[in-house]
C-alpha cells in the first residue's frame, strides 16, 4: 500500500499555514510573514496533490478492445463487481484515499478563507455618511466662532458663512446664509417653506470641484466660485448659469425658533459637494 505520510504532512502544512494567515490578518498584518505563509500553504498543496496523485491514481497505460455498443449481461455483471470490489477489495486503501480527500478539502478551505479574508483591508462598506452633514431639525446656525445667528441680523444683500452648532470645523457643513431681495427672489417649487424672514441658506461647497463659493454680487443675485468661475443664481434655486458646475448648490431648509435664532428644519435633502458615486440620480 502506498505511503500516505508525505501528502498528509503536505496538506497539514497547508491547513496550518492558512490558519496562520488568518491570525496574521486579524492582528493587523505583516507582509513578510504573510508571504512566507502563502509560500508554505501553496507549496504544501502542490506537493500533496502531486504525491497523492502518484500514489493513488493508476499510472499505467492500457488499451481496451472495442466491443459492440450494446453491453452483454456478462459485461454488466463484471462492471457491477468492479464497482463494489473497490480496487481489488482493499478496504484499507479505500479508507486511506477518503482520509486524504478530507485533508485535501480542508487544505482548499483554509486557503479559500485566507484569500477572502483580506477583503476587509479594502475598508468599510459604503455608507450614507457622504449623504449626511451635522445639520438636523432644530440645530442652530452659528458663525465660525460659535455665535448663533438671530433673525434680522442680516441686511438685504448681506451674507454670512454659518455652521451647525457644535460643528464649526466640519468640512462638509459650511453654508451661506443670504438675506435676499424679496422682489427678486423666486422660491423653487415646493421650497417656499424652506426660507424664513427673507433669508435662504445654500451649501458653500461648489458642486464642481468642492471649492468655497463665497463671492456674492448682491445687485445681480449671483454667487461665484473663485476656482473655475462657476456661477449660481441665488434668486433661482442657485442653479448654475455659467462655468463647469452642472448641479445647483443644495439648499438647506431653515426656520426661526422660539428664541428668535435661525435653525435648520432638517439636514440637506441631497449630498453636498461634487462627485458622488450615485449622484447621477440627483442631476
Protein backbone atom coordinates (compact mmCIF):
# COMPACT_ATOMS: atom_id res chain seq x y z
CA UNK A 1 0.00 0.00 0.00
CA UNK A 2 1.37 3.49 -0.83
CA UNK A 3 2.84 5.55 1.99
CA UNK A 4 0.39 8.39 2.76
CA UNK A 5 2.75 10.27 5.08
CA UNK A 6 4.04 12.82 2.56
CA UNK A 7 0.65 14.02 1.25
CA UNK A 8 -0.75 14.02 4.79
CA UNK A 9 2.07 16.21 6.06
CA UNK A 10 1.85 18.46 2.99
CA UNK A 11 -1.90 19.03 3.39
CA UNK A 12 -1.40 19.60 7.10
CA UNK A 13 1.18 22.28 6.36
CA UNK A 14 -1.31 23.98 4.02
CA UNK A 15 -4.06 23.95 6.65
CA UNK A 16 -1.78 25.30 9.38
CA UNK A 17 -0.42 27.97 7.04
CA UNK A 18 -3.98 29.05 6.14
CA UNK A 19 -4.87 29.33 9.83
CA UNK A 20 -1.66 31.29 10.38
CA UNK A 21 -2.64 33.71 7.62
CA UNK A 22 -5.99 34.33 9.28
CA UNK A 23 -4.26 35.07 12.58
CA UNK A 24 -1.77 37.44 10.93
CA UNK A 25 -4.50 39.27 9.00
CA UNK A 26 -6.66 39.52 12.12
CA UNK A 27 -3.85 41.04 14.19
CA UNK A 28 -3.03 43.80 11.71
CA UNK A 29 -0.93 42.03 9.06
CA UNK A 30 2.78 41.67 8.43
CA UNK A 31 3.74 41.46 4.72
CA UNK A 32 6.91 39.36 5.12
CA UNK A 33 5.22 36.80 7.35
CA UNK A 34 2.18 36.69 5.11
CA UNK A 35 4.39 35.98 2.08
CA UNK A 36 6.15 33.16 3.90
CA UNK A 37 2.85 31.60 4.99
CA UNK A 38 1.45 31.85 1.46
CA UNK A 39 4.56 30.06 0.17
CA UNK A 40 4.12 27.18 2.61
CA UNK A 41 0.37 26.99 2.02
CA UNK A 42 0.66 26.76 -1.77
CA UNK A 43 3.78 24.56 -1.69
CA UNK A 44 2.10 22.11 0.68
CA UNK A 45 -0.98 21.99 -1.50
CA UNK A 46 1.06 21.35 -4.63
CA UNK A 47 3.25 18.66 -3.05
CA UNK A 48 0.24 16.93 -1.53
CA UNK A 49 -1.67 16.81 -4.80
CA UNK A 50 1.30 15.60 -6.85
CA UNK A 51 2.45 12.91 -4.41
CA UNK A 52 -1.12 11.82 -3.69
CA UNK A 53 -1.87 11.51 -7.39
CA UNK A 54 1.28 9.44 -7.97
CA UNK A 55 0.40 7.15 -5.07
CA UNK A 56 -3.30 6.61 -5.56
CA UNK A 57 -4.11 7.15 -9.22
CA UNK A 58 -3.37 4.47 -11.81
CA UNK A 59 -0.23 5.27 -13.81
CA UNK A 60 -0.26 2.53 -16.41
CA UNK A 61 -1.42 2.93 -19.99
CA UNK A 62 -3.92 0.43 -21.29
CA UNK A 63 -5.99 -0.11 -24.37
CA UNK A 64 -9.37 -1.67 -24.27
CA UNK A 65 -10.61 -3.74 -27.15
CA UNK A 66 -13.56 -2.17 -28.83
CA UNK A 67 -16.74 -4.13 -28.25
CA UNK A 68 -20.21 -3.76 -29.65
CA UNK A 69 -22.04 -0.79 -28.18
CA UNK A 70 -24.66 -2.94 -26.52
CA UNK A 71 -23.31 -4.44 -23.27
CA UNK A 72 -23.88 -8.09 -22.64
CA UNK A 73 -25.15 -9.41 -19.33
CA UNK A 74 -21.67 -10.72 -18.57
CA UNK A 75 -20.14 -7.28 -19.11
CA UNK A 76 -22.77 -5.58 -16.90
CA UNK A 77 -22.19 -8.14 -14.16
CA UNK A 78 -18.42 -7.59 -14.38
CA UNK A 79 -18.87 -3.82 -14.17
CA UNK A 80 -21.05 -4.16 -11.09
CA UNK A 81 -18.48 -6.42 -9.50
CA UNK A 82 -15.68 -3.96 -10.25
CA UNK A 83 -17.70 -1.13 -8.75
CA UNK A 84 -18.27 -2.95 -5.48
CA UNK A 85 -14.83 -4.51 -5.32
CA UNK A 86 -13.12 -1.09 -4.85
CA UNK A 87 -9.72 -1.82 -6.29
CA UNK A 88 -9.40 -5.48 -5.52
CA UNK A 89 -11.35 -5.26 -2.28
CA UNK A 90 -8.60 -3.40 -0.47
CA UNK A 91 -10.77 -1.54 2.07
CA UNK A 92 -7.74 -0.09 3.86
CA UNK A 93 -6.56 1.57 0.66
CA UNK A 94 -10.05 2.94 0.03
CA UNK A 95 -10.22 4.36 3.55
CA UNK A 96 -6.81 5.95 3.07
CA UNK A 97 -7.99 7.65 -0.09
CA UNK A 98 -11.05 9.05 1.68
CA UNK A 99 -8.88 10.34 4.50
CA UNK A 100 -6.59 12.15 2.07
CA UNK A 101 -9.57 13.62 0.23
CA UNK A 102 -10.83 15.06 3.51
CA UNK A 103 -7.42 16.59 4.17
CA UNK A 104 -7.36 17.98 0.63
CA UNK A 105 -10.79 19.56 1.19
CA UNK A 106 -9.53 21.09 4.45
CA UNK A 107 -6.47 22.49 2.68
CA UNK A 108 -8.60 24.10 -0.02
CA UNK A 109 -10.95 25.52 2.64
CA UNK A 110 -8.06 27.04 4.60
CA UNK A 111 -6.63 28.70 1.50
CA UNK A 112 -10.07 29.85 0.37
CA UNK A 113 -10.76 31.58 3.67
CA UNK A 114 -7.27 33.10 3.66
CA UNK A 115 -7.92 34.51 0.18
CA UNK A 116 -11.28 36.02 1.15
CA UNK A 117 -10.16 37.44 4.49
CA UNK A 118 -8.01 40.29 3.05
CA UNK A 119 -11.17 41.84 1.59
CA UNK A 120 -11.52 43.52 4.99
CA UNK A 121 -8.43 45.56 4.05
CA UNK A 122 -10.46 47.34 1.40
CA UNK A 123 -12.05 49.42 4.15
CA UNK A 124 -15.60 49.87 5.40
CA UNK A 125 -18.65 49.36 3.23
CA UNK A 126 -20.03 52.42 1.52
CA UNK A 127 -22.46 54.12 3.85
CA UNK A 128 -24.72 57.13 3.98
CA UNK A 129 -22.01 59.22 5.69
CA UNK A 130 -21.33 61.08 2.44
CA UNK A 131 -25.00 61.98 2.22
CA UNK A 132 -25.24 63.49 5.68
CA UNK A 133 -23.95 66.58 7.47
CA UNK A 134 -24.35 67.63 11.10
CA UNK A 135 -27.39 69.74 10.35
CA UNK A 136 -30.63 68.35 11.75
CA UNK A 137 -34.06 69.54 12.85
CA UNK A 138 -33.72 72.33 15.41
CA UNK A 139 -29.93 72.70 15.12
CA UNK A 140 -28.95 76.36 15.31
CA UNK A 141 -26.91 78.02 12.59
CA UNK A 142 -23.79 79.61 14.12
CA UNK A 143 -20.86 81.62 12.87
CA UNK A 144 -17.32 80.24 12.76
CA UNK A 145 -16.76 81.46 16.33
CA UNK A 146 -19.87 79.64 17.54
CA UNK A 147 -22.22 82.62 17.87
CA UNK A 148 -25.83 81.77 16.95
CA UNK A 149 -27.46 83.85 14.21
CA UNK A 150 -30.57 85.80 15.12
CA UNK A 151 -33.48 86.77 12.94
CA UNK A 152 -32.96 90.18 11.40
CA UNK A 153 -29.21 90.06 11.88
CA UNK A 154 -28.54 90.39 8.14
CA UNK A 155 -29.48 93.26 5.89
CA UNK A 156 -30.73 92.81 2.34
CA UNK A 157 -27.85 91.66 0.12
CA UNK A 158 -25.69 90.54 3.05
CA UNK A 159 -24.48 87.00 3.59
CA UNK A 160 -22.81 85.04 6.37
CA UNK A 161 -20.96 81.71 6.47
CA UNK A 162 -22.62 79.52 9.07
CA UNK A 163 -22.23 76.01 10.50
CA UNK A 164 -24.32 73.60 12.57
CA UNK A 165 -23.96 74.46 16.25
CA UNK A 166 -21.11 72.48 17.81
CA UNK A 167 -19.57 71.56 14.47
CA UNK A 168 -17.83 74.71 13.22
CA UNK A 169 -14.89 72.64 11.91
CA UNK A 170 -16.99 70.19 9.88
CA UNK A 171 -15.66 70.23 6.31
CA UNK A 172 -18.98 69.29 4.72
CA UNK A 173 -21.14 71.83 6.55
CA UNK A 174 -20.13 75.39 5.53
CA UNK A 175 -23.33 77.12 4.49
CA UNK A 176 -24.10 80.54 3.07
CA UNK A 177 -26.95 82.34 4.81
CA UNK A 178 -28.15 85.12 2.50
CA UNK A 179 -30.69 87.89 3.01
CA UNK A 180 -32.25 88.17 -0.42
CA UNK A 181 -34.23 90.86 -2.18
CA UNK A 182 -37.82 89.71 -1.79
CA UNK A 183 -38.82 91.41 -5.04
CA UNK A 184 -36.27 89.37 -7.00
CA UNK A 185 -36.25 86.05 -5.17
CA UNK A 186 -38.26 83.16 -6.61
CA UNK A 187 -38.55 80.07 -4.36
CA UNK A 188 -38.16 76.76 -6.15
CA UNK A 189 -41.22 74.57 -6.47
CA UNK A 190 -42.17 73.09 -3.10
CA UNK A 191 -39.49 75.10 -1.26
CA UNK A 192 -41.40 78.20 -0.22
CA UNK A 193 -41.33 76.96 3.38
CA UNK A 194 -37.54 76.40 3.27
CA UNK A 195 -36.83 80.14 3.60
CA UNK A 196 -37.60 82.39 6.54
CA UNK A 197 -37.53 86.08 7.41
CA UNK A 198 -36.15 86.92 3.95
CA UNK A 199 -33.19 84.53 4.34
CA UNK A 200 -32.16 81.50 2.33
CA UNK A 201 -29.34 79.01 3.00
CA UNK A 202 -27.23 77.21 0.40
CA UNK A 203 -24.22 74.95 0.71
CA UNK A 204 -20.94 76.82 0.33
CA UNK A 205 -19.25 73.83 -1.32
CA UNK A 206 -19.16 74.13 -5.10
CA UNK A 207 -20.75 71.20 -6.89
CA UNK A 208 -17.95 71.18 -9.45
CA UNK A 209 -14.70 70.76 -7.52
CA UNK A 210 -15.58 71.49 -3.86
CA UNK A 211 -14.11 74.99 -3.78
CA UNK A 212 -15.62 77.50 -1.37
CA UNK A 213 -18.29 79.57 -3.13
CA UNK A 214 -18.16 82.94 -1.42
CA UNK A 215 -18.17 85.77 -3.93
CA UNK A 216 -21.65 87.31 -3.93
CA UNK A 217 -22.90 90.01 -6.28
CA UNK A 218 -25.90 91.33 -4.40
CA UNK A 219 -27.05 93.51 -7.32
CA UNK A 220 -27.38 90.55 -9.70
CA UNK A 221 -28.01 87.92 -7.03
CA UNK A 222 -25.20 85.73 -8.31
CA UNK A 223 -22.76 83.56 -6.35
CA UNK A 224 -19.36 82.96 -7.94
CA UNK A 225 -16.85 80.19 -7.36
CA UNK A 226 -13.29 81.64 -7.48
CA UNK A 227 -11.68 78.39 -8.68
CA UNK A 228 -13.32 77.75 -12.05
CA UNK A 229 -15.80 80.61 -12.30
CA UNK A 230 -18.94 78.56 -11.83
CA UNK A 231 -21.81 80.99 -11.25
CA UNK A 232 -25.04 80.28 -9.37
CA UNK A 233 -28.29 82.25 -9.37
CA UNK A 234 -29.35 82.77 -5.74
CA UNK A 235 -32.79 84.05 -6.78
CA UNK A 236 -33.48 80.91 -8.82
CA UNK A 237 -32.64 77.92 -6.56
CA UNK A 238 -28.91 78.55 -7.02
CA UNK A 239 -28.95 76.93 -10.45
CA UNK A 240 -25.65 77.25 -12.36
CA UNK A 241 -25.67 79.88 -15.08
CA UNK A 242 -22.01 79.79 -16.11
CA UNK A 243 -18.93 77.60 -15.72
CA UNK A 244 -18.34 73.87 -15.37
CA UNK A 245 -20.76 73.18 -12.48
CA UNK A 246 -23.87 71.36 -13.66
CA UNK A 247 -25.73 70.91 -10.39
CA UNK A 248 -27.33 73.64 -8.23
CA UNK A 249 -25.94 74.31 -4.78
CA UNK A 250 -28.01 72.21 -2.33
CA UNK A 251 -30.46 74.27 -0.28
CA UNK A 252 -30.79 73.89 3.50
CA UNK A 253 -34.34 74.29 4.86
CA UNK A 254 -34.28 76.88 7.65
CA UNK A 255 -36.69 78.40 10.18
CA UNK A 256 -36.74 80.68 13.22
CA UNK A 257 -37.01 79.05 16.65
CA UNK A 258 -38.97 80.35 19.66
CA UNK A 259 -35.97 82.39 20.83
CA UNK A 260 -35.53 84.13 17.50
CA UNK A 261 -32.49 82.16 16.32
CA UNK A 262 -32.11 80.71 12.83
CA UNK A 263 -32.27 76.90 12.89
CA UNK A 264 -32.26 74.08 10.37
CA UNK A 265 -35.51 72.31 9.62
CA UNK A 266 -33.56 69.17 8.68
CA UNK A 267 -30.29 68.12 7.10
CA UNK A 268 -29.65 68.87 3.43
CA UNK A 269 -32.08 66.79 1.37
CA UNK A 270 -29.27 65.81 -1.02
CA UNK A 271 -25.50 65.29 -0.75
CA UNK A 272 -23.38 68.42 -0.70
CA UNK A 273 -20.27 68.94 -2.82
CA UNK A 274 -19.14 67.38 -6.10
CA UNK A 275 -18.54 63.89 -7.42
CA UNK A 276 -20.71 61.45 -5.51
CA UNK A 277 -20.87 57.78 -6.50
CA UNK A 278 -24.62 57.72 -7.12
CA UNK A 279 -25.19 61.42 -7.68
CA UNK A 280 -26.33 60.97 -11.28
CA UNK A 281 -29.78 60.36 -9.84
CA UNK A 282 -29.75 63.89 -8.45
CA UNK A 283 -28.50 65.78 -11.52
